[in-house]
């Protein structure tokens, strides 16, 4: 099954929206932070499957936070990165600094 960012954002909203909005942004951000910590541990010493699962969890919590805040991630990504690097404007970045 192929999922676009929009598809995934809608899927997460359909599955969890009531609980997510009740929890709010601050508590959801804490969950996201916890998942990033779990990803860091998996990157250090996890199996490929554990890493993949943690990447999926981080993405799901990021999408959850975007849903709570009313951010369309497809639009946000397109606006920021769709025309190239936000710093130099090129498709293959030549910046010396992180954009």
PDB file of N, CA and C in Angstrom:
ATOM      1  N   UNK A   1       0.841  -1.186   0.000  1.00  0.00           N
ATOM      2  CA  UNK A   1       0.000   0.000   0.000  1.00  0.00           C
ATOM      3  C   UNK A   1       0.885   1.247   0.000  1.00  0.00           C
ATOM      4  N   UNK A   2       0.581   2.144  -0.888  1.00  0.00           N
ATOM      5  CA  UNK A   2       1.325   3.395  -0.986  1.00  0.00           C
ATOM      6  C   UNK A   2       0.567   4.493  -0.242  1.00  0.00           C
ATOM      7  N   UNK A   3       1.289   5.277   0.564  1.00  0.00           N
ATOM      8  CA  UNK A   3       0.685   6.379   1.308  1.00  0.00           C
ATOM      9  C   UNK A   3       1.408   7.677   0.999  1.00  0.00           C
ATOM     10  N   UNK A   4       0.666   8.695   0.665  1.00  0.00           N
ATOM     11  CA  UNK A   4       1.238  10.028   0.562  1.00  0.00           C
ATOM     12  C   UNK A   4       1.272  10.632   1.971  1.00  0.00           C
ATOM     13  N   UNK A   5       1.925  11.764   2.087  1.00  0.00           N
ATOM     14  CA  UNK A   5       1.901  12.471   3.374  1.00  0.00           C
ATOM     15  C   UNK A   5       0.464  12.801   3.743  1.00  0.00           C
ATOM     16  N   UNK A   6      -0.301  13.273   2.766  1.00  0.00           N
ATOM     17  CA  UNK A   6      -1.713  13.625   2.998  1.00  0.00           C
ATOM     18  C   UNK A   6      -2.510  12.402   3.452  1.00  0.00           C
ATOM     19  N   UNK A   7      -2.309  11.271   2.778  1.00  0.00           N
ATOM     20  CA  UNK A   7      -3.003  10.034   3.166  1.00  0.00           C
ATOM     21  C   UNK A   7      -2.688   9.665   4.615  1.00  0.00           C
ATOM     22  N   UNK A   8      -1.416   9.738   4.960  1.00  0.00           N
ATOM     23  CA  UNK A   8      -0.999   9.348   6.309  1.00  0.00           C
ATOM     24  C   UNK A   8      -1.556  10.324   7.336  1.00  0.00           C
ATOM     25  N   UNK A   9      -1.533  11.616   7.019  1.00  0.00           N
ATOM     26  CA  UNK A   9      -2.071  12.602   7.939  1.00  0.00           C
ATOM     27  C   UNK A   9      -3.568  12.362   8.164  1.00  0.00           C
ATOM     28  N   UNK A  10      -4.295  12.040   7.104  1.00  0.00           N
ATOM     29  CA  UNK A  10      -5.725  11.741   7.231  1.00  0.00           C
ATOM     30  C   UNK A  10      -5.959  10.438   7.996  1.00  0.00           C
ATOM     31  N   UNK A  11      -5.131   9.431   7.758  1.00  0.00           N
ATOM     32  CA  UNK A  11      -5.250   8.157   8.471  1.00  0.00           C
ATOM     33  C   UNK A  11      -5.074   8.353   9.971  1.00  0.00           C
ATOM     34  N   UNK A  12      -4.023   9.061  10.352  1.00  0.00           N
ATOM     35  CA  UNK A  12      -3.765   9.310  11.776  1.00  0.00           C
ATOM     36  C   UNK A  12      -4.898  10.132  12.378  1.00  0.00           C
ATOM     37  N   UNK A  13      -5.397  11.103  11.640  1.00  0.00           N
ATOM     38  CA  UNK A  13      -6.511  11.911  12.137  1.00  0.00           C
ATOM     39  C   UNK A  13      -7.745  11.055  12.363  1.00  0.00           C
ATOM     40  N   UNK A  14      -8.036  10.174  11.401  1.00  0.00           N
ATOM     41  CA  UNK A  14      -9.210   9.303  11.510  1.00  0.00           C
ATOM     42  C   UNK A  14      -9.057   8.340  12.704  1.00  0.00           C
ATOM     43  N   UNK A  15      -7.862   7.832  12.916  1.00  0.00           N
ATOM     44  CA  UNK A  15      -7.640   6.843  13.971  1.00  0.00           C
ATOM     45  C   UNK A  15      -7.626   7.456  15.373  1.00  0.00           C
ATOM     46  N   UNK A  16      -7.070   8.662  15.497  1.00  0.00           N
ATOM     47  CA  UNK A  16      -6.768   9.174  16.842  1.00  0.00           C
ATOM     48  C   UNK A  16      -7.256  10.583  17.141  1.00  0.00           C
ATOM     49  N   UNK A  17      -7.962  11.239  16.239  1.00  0.00           N
ATOM     50  CA  UNK A  17      -8.215  12.676  16.380  1.00  0.00           C
ATOM     51  C   UNK A  17      -8.880  13.074  17.696  1.00  0.00           C
ATOM     52  N   UNK A  18      -9.863  12.332  18.149  1.00  0.00           N
ATOM     53  CA  UNK A  18     -10.554  12.717  19.382  1.00  0.00           C
ATOM     54  C   UNK A  18      -9.594  12.704  20.568  1.00  0.00           C
ATOM     55  N   UNK A  19      -8.853  11.612  20.717  1.00  0.00           N
ATOM     56  CA  UNK A  19      -7.891  11.516  21.823  1.00  0.00           C
ATOM     57  C   UNK A  19      -6.801  12.572  21.689  1.00  0.00           C
ATOM     58  N   UNK A  20      -6.332  12.794  20.460  1.00  0.00           N
ATOM     59  CA  UNK A  20      -5.235  13.727  20.240  1.00  0.00           C
ATOM     60  C   UNK A  20      -5.617  15.156  20.616  1.00  0.00           C
ATOM     61  N   UNK A  21      -6.767  15.592  20.169  1.00  0.00           N
ATOM     62  CA  UNK A  21      -7.183  16.965  20.461  1.00  0.00           C
ATOM     63  C   UNK A  21      -7.469  17.147  21.945  1.00  0.00           C
ATOM     64  N   UNK A  22      -7.971  16.126  22.579  1.00  0.00           N
ATOM     65  CA  UNK A  22      -8.206  16.186  24.023  1.00  0.00           C
ATOM     66  C   UNK A  22      -6.885  16.309  24.778  1.00  0.00           C
ATOM     67  N   UNK A  23      -5.859  15.592  24.307  1.00  0.00           N
ATOM     68  CA  UNK A  23      -4.540  15.624  24.949  1.00  0.00           C
ATOM     69  C   UNK A  23      -3.885  16.980  24.774  1.00  0.00           C
ATOM     70  N   UNK A  24      -4.040  17.573  23.595  1.00  0.00           N
ATOM     71  CA  UNK A  24      -3.475  18.885  23.325  1.00  0.00           C
ATOM     72  C   UNK A  24      -2.043  18.850  22.815  1.00  0.00           C
ATOM     73  N   UNK A  25      -1.584  20.012  22.386  1.00  0.00           N
ATOM     74  CA  UNK A  25      -0.268  20.130  21.766  1.00  0.00           C
ATOM     75  C   UNK A  25       0.880  19.872  22.731  1.00  0.00           C
ATOM     76  N   UNK A  26       0.810  20.425  23.924  1.00  0.00           N
ATOM     77  CA  UNK A  26       1.929  20.301  24.868  1.00  0.00           C
ATOM     78  C   UNK A  26       2.187  18.842  25.229  1.00  0.00           C
ATOM     79  N   UNK A  27       1.138  18.114  25.579  1.00  0.00           N
ATOM     80  CA  UNK A  27       1.309  16.708  25.953  1.00  0.00           C
ATOM     81  C   UNK A  27       1.715  15.865  24.744  1.00  0.00           C
ATOM     82  N   UNK A  28       1.181  16.203  23.585  1.00  0.00           N
ATOM     83  CA  UNK A  28       1.545  15.474  22.370  1.00  0.00           C
ATOM     84  C   UNK A  28       3.007  15.701  22.026  1.00  0.00           C
ATOM     85  N   UNK A  29       3.489  16.912  22.221  1.00  0.00           N
ATOM     86  CA  UNK A  29       4.903  17.196  21.976  1.00  0.00           C
ATOM     87  C   UNK A  29       5.789  16.360  22.904  1.00  0.00           C
ATOM     88  N   UNK A  30       5.360  16.168  24.129  1.00  0.00           N
ATOM     89  CA  UNK A  30       6.130  15.322  25.052  1.00  0.00           C
ATOM     90  C   UNK A  30       6.183  13.877  24.552  1.00  0.00           C
ATOM     91  N   UNK A  31       5.071  13.373  24.030  1.00  0.00           N
ATOM     92  CA  UNK A  31       5.061  12.025  23.446  1.00  0.00           C
ATOM     93  C   UNK A  31       6.011  11.943  22.259  1.00  0.00           C
ATOM     94  N   UNK A  32       5.970  12.971  21.400  1.00  0.00           N
ATOM     95  CA  UNK A  32       6.880  13.015  20.254  1.00  0.00           C
ATOM     96  C   UNK A  32       8.327  12.992  20.734  1.00  0.00           C
ATOM     97  N   UNK A  33       8.629  13.774  21.737  1.00  0.00           N
ATOM     98  CA  UNK A  33       9.991  13.826  22.278  1.00  0.00           C
ATOM     99  C   UNK A  33      10.429  12.469  22.824  1.00  0.00           C
ATOM    100  N   UNK A  34       9.524  11.792  23.496  1.00  0.00           N
ATOM    101  CA  UNK A  34       9.829  10.455  24.017  1.00  0.00           C
ATOM    102  C   UNK A  34      10.137   9.499  22.867  1.00  0.00           C
ATOM    103  N   UNK A  35       9.345   9.584  21.804  1.00  0.00           N
ATOM    104  CA  UNK A  35       9.580   8.709  20.649  1.00  0.00           C
ATOM    105  C   UNK A  35      10.906   9.023  19.961  1.00  0.00           C
ATOM    106  N   UNK A  36      11.293  10.287  19.925  1.00  0.00           N
ATOM    107  CA  UNK A  36      12.597  10.650  19.354  1.00  0.00           C
ATOM    108  C   UNK A  36      13.708  10.028  20.191  1.00  0.00           C
ATOM    109  N   UNK A  37      13.537  10.013  21.506  1.00  0.00           N
ATOM    110  CA  UNK A  37      14.509   9.356  22.382  1.00  0.00           C
ATOM    111  C   UNK A  37      14.591   7.860  22.110  1.00  0.00           C
ATOM    112  N   UNK A  38      13.451   7.226  21.893  1.00  0.00           N
ATOM    113  CA  UNK A  38      13.443   5.802  21.572  1.00  0.00           C
ATOM    114  C   UNK A  38      14.115   5.543  20.228  1.00  0.00           C
ATOM    115  N   UNK A  39      13.926   6.454  19.269  1.00  0.00           N
ATOM    116  CA  UNK A  39      14.606   6.325  17.983  1.00  0.00           C
ATOM    117  C   UNK A  39      16.111   6.448  18.166  1.00  0.00           C
ATOM    118  N   UNK A  40      16.538   7.372  19.004  1.00  0.00           N
ATOM    119  CA  UNK A  40      17.974   7.543  19.258  1.00  0.00           C
ATOM    120  C   UNK A  40      18.570   6.255  19.817  1.00  0.00           C
ATOM    121  N   UNK A  41      17.873   5.622  20.739  1.00  0.00           N
ATOM    122  CA  UNK A  41      18.356   4.359  21.312  1.00  0.00           C
ATOM    123  C   UNK A  41      18.404   3.268  20.249  1.00  0.00           C
ATOM    124  N   UNK A  42      17.387   3.208  19.405  1.00  0.00           N
ATOM    125  CA  UNK A  42      17.361   2.191  18.349  1.00  0.00           C
ATOM    126  C   UNK A  42      18.492   2.424  17.343  1.00  0.00           C
ATOM    127  N   UNK A  43      18.767   3.682  17.015  1.00  0.00           N
ATOM    128  CA  UNK A  43      19.856   3.981  16.092  1.00  0.00           C
ATOM    129  C   UNK A  43      21.204   3.551  16.668  1.00  0.00           C
ATOM    130  N   UNK A  44      21.324   3.653  17.964  1.00  0.00           N
ATOM    131  CA  UNK A  44      22.571   3.292  18.632  1.00  0.00           C
ATOM    132  C   UNK A  44      22.796   1.789  18.638  1.00  0.00           C
ATOM    133  N   UNK A  45      21.736   1.028  18.921  1.00  0.00           N
ATOM    134  CA  UNK A  45      21.964  -0.407  19.103  1.00  0.00           C
ATOM    135  C   UNK A  45      20.808  -1.303  18.683  1.00  0.00           C
ATOM    136  N   UNK A  46      19.846  -0.780  17.959  1.00  0.00           N
ATOM    137  CA  UNK A  46      18.680  -1.574  17.581  1.00  0.00           C
ATOM    138  C   UNK A  46      18.869  -2.315  16.274  1.00  0.00           C
ATOM    139  N   UNK A  47      17.965  -3.240  16.068  1.00  0.00           N
ATOM    140  CA  UNK A  47      17.930  -3.959  14.798  1.00  0.00           C
ATOM    141  C   UNK A  47      17.306  -3.064  13.733  1.00  0.00           C
ATOM    142  N   UNK A  48      17.395  -3.492  12.504  1.00  0.00           N
ATOM    143  CA  UNK A  48      16.771  -2.731  11.415  1.00  0.00           C
ATOM    144  C   UNK A  48      15.265  -2.609  11.654  1.00  0.00           C
ATOM    145  N   UNK A  49      14.630  -3.673  12.105  1.00  0.00           N
ATOM    146  CA  UNK A  49      13.186  -3.663  12.352  1.00  0.00           C
ATOM    147  C   UNK A  49      12.844  -2.697  13.488  1.00  0.00           C
ATOM    148  N   UNK A  50      13.637  -2.661  14.538  1.00  0.00           N
ATOM    149  CA  UNK A  50      13.395  -1.734  15.654  1.00  0.00           C
ATOM    150  C   UNK A  50      13.561  -0.287  15.189  1.00  0.00           C
ATOM    151  N   UNK A  51      14.580  -0.031  14.376  1.00  0.00           N
ATOM    152  CA  UNK A  51      14.780   1.315  13.841  1.00  0.00           C
ATOM    153  C   UNK A  51      13.581   1.726  12.987  1.00  0.00           C
ATOM    154  N   UNK A  52      13.142   0.836  12.102  1.00  0.00           N
ATOM    155  CA  UNK A  52      12.003   1.137  11.232  1.00  0.00           C
ATOM    156  C   UNK A  52      10.758   1.451  12.057  1.00  0.00           C
ATOM    157  N   UNK A  53      10.509   0.676  13.099  1.00  0.00           N
ATOM    158  CA  UNK A  53       9.336   0.892  13.951  1.00  0.00           C
ATOM    159  C   UNK A  53       9.418   2.245  14.661  1.00  0.00           C
ATOM    160  N   UNK A  54      10.598   2.612  15.118  1.00  0.00           N
ATOM    161  CA  UNK A  54      10.748   3.894  15.814  1.00  0.00           C
ATOM    162  C   UNK A  54      10.631   5.073  14.853  1.00  0.00           C
ATOM    163  N   UNK A  55      11.169   4.929  13.624  1.00  0.00           N
ATOM    164  CA  UNK A  55      10.958   5.978  12.628  1.00  0.00           C
ATOM    165  C   UNK A  55       9.463   6.168  12.383  1.00  0.00           C
ATOM    166  N   UNK A  56       8.723   5.067  12.268  1.00  0.00           N
ATOM    167  CA  UNK A  56       7.279   5.145  12.033  1.00  0.00           C
ATOM    168  C   UNK A  56       6.574   5.835  13.201  1.00  0.00           C
ATOM    169  N   UNK A  57       6.989   5.506  14.426  1.00  0.00           N
ATOM    170  CA  UNK A  57       6.383   6.142  15.606  1.00  0.00           C
ATOM    171  C   UNK A  57       6.645   7.640  15.627  1.00  0.00           C
ATOM    172  N   UNK A  58       7.881   8.039  15.345  1.00  0.00           N
ATOM    173  CA  UNK A  58       8.214   9.466  15.333  1.00  0.00           C
ATOM    174  C   UNK A  58       7.378  10.193  14.282  1.00  0.00           C
ATOM    175  N   UNK A  59       7.277   9.606  13.103  1.00  0.00           N
ATOM    176  CA  UNK A  59       6.476  10.219  12.042  1.00  0.00           C
ATOM    177  C   UNK A  59       5.013  10.338  12.459  1.00  0.00           C
ATOM    178  N   UNK A  60       4.474   9.293  13.069  1.00  0.00           N
ATOM    179  CA  UNK A  60       3.068   9.312  13.495  1.00  0.00           C
ATOM    180  C   UNK A  60       2.816  10.405  14.534  1.00  0.00           C
ATOM    181  N   UNK A  61       3.720  10.561  15.494  1.00  0.00           N
ATOM    182  CA  UNK A  61       3.526  11.589  16.514  1.00  0.00           C
ATOM    183  C   UNK A  61       3.728  12.987  15.944  1.00  0.00           C
ATOM    184  N   UNK A  62       4.625  13.147  14.968  1.00  0.00           N
ATOM    185  CA  UNK A  62       4.794  14.432  14.307  1.00  0.00           C
ATOM    186  C   UNK A  62       3.525  14.799  13.538  1.00  0.00           C
ATOM    187  N   UNK A  63       2.958  13.829  12.830  1.00  0.00           N
ATOM    188  CA  UNK A  63       1.712  14.040  12.095  1.00  0.00           C
ATOM    189  C   UNK A  63       0.581  14.364  13.071  1.00  0.00           C
ATOM    190  N   UNK A  64       0.535  13.683  14.194  1.00  0.00           N
ATOM    191  CA  UNK A  64      -0.474  13.956  15.213  1.00  0.00           C
ATOM    192  C   UNK A  64      -0.401  15.406  15.669  1.00  0.00           C
ATOM    193  N   UNK A  65       0.797  15.871  15.946  1.00  0.00           N
ATOM    194  CA  UNK A  65       0.980  17.249  16.393  1.00  0.00           C
ATOM    195  C   UNK A  65       0.551  18.233  15.301  1.00  0.00           C
ATOM    196  N   UNK A  66       0.898  17.941  14.066  1.00  0.00           N
ATOM    197  CA  UNK A  66       0.471  18.797  12.952  1.00  0.00           C
ATOM    198  C   UNK A  66      -1.049  18.827  12.854  1.00  0.00           C
ATOM    199  N   UNK A  67      -1.693  17.681  13.028  1.00  0.00           N
ATOM    200  CA  UNK A  67      -3.156  17.634  12.979  1.00  0.00           C
ATOM    201  C   UNK A  67      -3.768  18.497  14.075  1.00  0.00           C
ATOM    202  N   UNK A  68      -3.254  18.396  15.272  1.00  0.00           N
ATOM    203  CA  UNK A  68      -3.787  19.191  16.384  1.00  0.00           C
ATOM    204  C   UNK A  68      -3.654  20.679  16.086  1.00  0.00           C
ATOM    205  N   UNK A  69      -2.535  21.049  15.463  1.00  0.00           N
ATOM    206  CA  UNK A  69      -2.255  22.455  15.178  1.00  0.00           C
ATOM    207  C   UNK A  69      -2.861  22.935  13.859  1.00  0.00           C
ATOM    208  N   UNK A  70      -3.513  22.025  13.124  1.00  0.00           N
ATOM    209  CA  UNK A  70      -4.149  22.408  11.874  1.00  0.00           C
ATOM    210  C   UNK A  70      -3.173  22.684  10.737  1.00  0.00           C
ATOM    211  N   UNK A  71      -2.025  22.017  10.767  1.00  0.00           N
ATOM    212  CA  UNK A  71      -1.003  22.204   9.731  1.00  0.00           C
ATOM    213  C   UNK A  71      -1.119  21.088   8.699  1.00  0.00           C
ATOM    214  N   UNK A  72      -1.291  21.469   7.451  1.00  0.00           N
ATOM    215  CA  UNK A  72      -1.296  20.531   6.335  1.00  0.00           C
ATOM    216  C   UNK A  72       0.170  20.293   5.977  1.00  0.00           C
ATOM    217  N   UNK A  73       0.685  19.118   6.311  1.00  0.00           N
ATOM    218  CA  UNK A  73       2.103  18.842   6.098  1.00  0.00           C
ATOM    219  C   UNK A  73       2.490  18.809   4.626  1.00  0.00           C
ATOM    220  N   UNK A  74       1.593  18.371   3.758  1.00  0.00           N
ATOM    221  CA  UNK A  74       1.902  18.389   2.329  1.00  0.00           C
ATOM    222  C   UNK A  74       2.164  19.816   1.876  1.00  0.00           C
ATOM    223  N   UNK A  75       1.298  20.726   2.251  1.00  0.00           N
ATOM    224  CA  UNK A  75       1.480  22.134   1.893  1.00  0.00           C
ATOM    225  C   UNK A  75       2.737  22.707   2.533  1.00  0.00           C
ATOM    226  N   UNK A  76       2.970  22.374   3.789  1.00  0.00           N
ATOM    227  CA  UNK A  76       4.128  22.915   4.499  1.00  0.00           C
ATOM    228  C   UNK A  76       5.432  22.454   3.866  1.00  0.00           C
ATOM    229  N   UNK A  77       5.506  21.171   3.520  1.00  0.00           N
ATOM    230  CA  UNK A  77       6.721  20.633   2.900  1.00  0.00           C
ATOM    231  C   UNK A  77       6.911  21.233   1.514  1.00  0.00           C
ATOM    232  N   UNK A  78       5.831  21.315   0.759  1.00  0.00           N
ATOM    233  CA  UNK A  78       5.914  21.887  -0.592  1.00  0.00           C
ATOM    234  C   UNK A  78       6.372  23.346  -0.525  1.00  0.00           C
ATOM    235  N   UNK A  79       5.808  24.110   0.406  1.00  0.00           N
ATOM    236  CA  UNK A  79       6.154  25.525   0.527  1.00  0.00           C
ATOM    237  C   UNK A  79       7.612  25.719   0.938  1.00  0.00           C
ATOM    238  N   UNK A  80       8.097  24.869   1.826  1.00  0.00           N
ATOM    239  CA  UNK A  80       9.460  25.051   2.335  1.00  0.00           C
ATOM    240  C   UNK A  80      10.523  24.420   1.437  1.00  0.00           C
ATOM    241  N   UNK A  81      10.239  23.239   0.867  1.00  0.00           N
ATOM    242  CA  UNK A  81      11.260  22.486   0.142  1.00  0.00           C
ATOM    243  C   UNK A  81      10.930  22.191  -1.319  1.00  0.00           C
ATOM    244  N   UNK A  82       9.754  22.539  -1.779  1.00  0.00           N
ATOM    245  CA  UNK A  82       9.310  22.175  -3.116  1.00  0.00           C
ATOM    246  C   UNK A  82      10.075  22.829  -4.253  1.00  0.00           C
ATOM    247  N   UNK A  83      10.671  23.961  -4.001  1.00  0.00           N
ATOM    248  CA  UNK A  83      11.426  24.671  -5.031  1.00  0.00           C
ATOM    249  C   UNK A  83      12.932  24.527  -4.839  1.00  0.00           C
ATOM    250  N   UNK A  84      13.351  23.675  -3.913  1.00  0.00           N
ATOM    251  CA  UNK A  84      14.777  23.498  -3.644  1.00  0.00           C
ATOM    252  C   UNK A  84      15.116  23.857  -2.215  1.00  0.00           C
ATOM    253  N   UNK A  85      16.386  23.896  -1.937  1.00  0.00           N
ATOM    254  CA  UNK A  85      16.894  24.210  -0.598  1.00  0.00           C
ATOM    255  C   UNK A  85      16.408  25.591  -0.163  1.00  0.00           C
ATOM    256  N   UNK A  86      15.862  25.722   1.050  1.00  0.00           N
ATOM    257  CA  UNK A  86      15.413  27.031   1.521  1.00  0.00           C
ATOM    258  C   UNK A  86      16.554  28.046   1.626  1.00  0.00           C
ATOM    259  N   UNK A  87      17.776  27.554   1.759  1.00  0.00           N
ATOM    260  CA  UNK A  87      18.916  28.462   1.884  1.00  0.00           C
ATOM    261  C   UNK A  87      19.440  28.961   0.553  1.00  0.00           C
ATOM    262  N   UNK A  88      19.837  28.037  -0.324  1.00  0.00           N
ATOM    263  CA  UNK A  88      20.463  28.426  -1.598  1.00  0.00           C
ATOM    264  C   UNK A  88      19.501  28.369  -2.779  1.00  0.00           C
ATOM    265  N   UNK A  89      18.348  27.713  -2.609  1.00  0.00           N
ATOM    266  CA  UNK A  89      17.362  27.635  -3.676  1.00  0.00           C
ATOM    267  C   UNK A  89      17.625  26.560  -4.710  1.00  0.00           C
ATOM    268  N   UNK A  90      18.682  25.788  -4.538  1.00  0.00           N
ATOM    269  CA  UNK A  90      19.028  24.748  -5.509  1.00  0.00           C
ATOM    270  C   UNK A  90      18.467  23.395  -5.089  1.00  0.00           C
ATOM    271  N   UNK A  91      18.214  22.530  -6.065  1.00  0.00           N
ATOM    272  CA  UNK A  91      17.721  21.187  -5.770  1.00  0.00           C
ATOM    273  C   UNK A  91      18.807  20.318  -5.128  1.00  0.00           C
ATOM    274  N   UNK A  92      20.042  20.559  -5.468  1.00  0.00           N
ATOM    275  CA  UNK A  92      21.164  19.905  -4.779  1.00  0.00           C
ATOM    276  C   UNK A  92      21.852  21.013  -3.999  1.00  0.00           C
ATOM    277  N   UNK A  93      21.652  20.998  -2.689  1.00  0.00           N
ATOM    278  CA  UNK A  93      22.108  22.076  -1.809  1.00  0.00           C
ATOM    279  C   UNK A  93      23.616  22.295  -1.889  1.00  0.00           C
ATOM    280  N   UNK A  94      23.977  23.574  -1.929  1.00  0.00           N
ATOM    281  CA  UNK A  94      25.380  23.959  -1.894  1.00  0.00           C
ATOM    282  C   UNK A  94      25.684  24.822  -0.674  1.00  0.00           C
ATOM    283  N   UNK A  95      24.738  24.911   0.251  1.00  0.00           N
ATOM    284  CA  UNK A  95      24.911  25.725   1.450  1.00  0.00           C
ATOM    285  C   UNK A  95      26.006  25.146   2.349  1.00  0.00           C
ATOM    286  N   UNK A  96      26.666  26.027   3.049  1.00  0.00           N
ATOM    287  CA  UNK A  96      27.626  25.587   4.070  1.00  0.00           C
ATOM    288  C   UNK A  96      26.968  25.506   5.431  1.00  0.00           C
ATOM    289  N   UNK A  97      25.784  26.094   5.554  1.00  0.00           N
ATOM    290  CA  UNK A  97      25.068  26.096   6.818  1.00  0.00           C
ATOM    291  C   UNK A  97      23.768  25.321   6.685  1.00  0.00           C
ATOM    292  N   UNK A  98      23.279  24.836   7.817  1.00  0.00           N
ATOM    293  CA  UNK A  98      21.990  24.166   7.854  1.00  0.00           C
ATOM    294  C   UNK A  98      20.891  25.187   7.622  1.00  0.00           C
ATOM    295  N   UNK A  99      19.980  24.934   6.655  1.00  0.00           N
ATOM    296  CA  UNK A  99      18.892  25.900   6.399  1.00  0.00           C
ATOM    297  C   UNK A  99      17.905  25.957   7.544  1.00  0.00           C
TER     298      UNK A  99
END
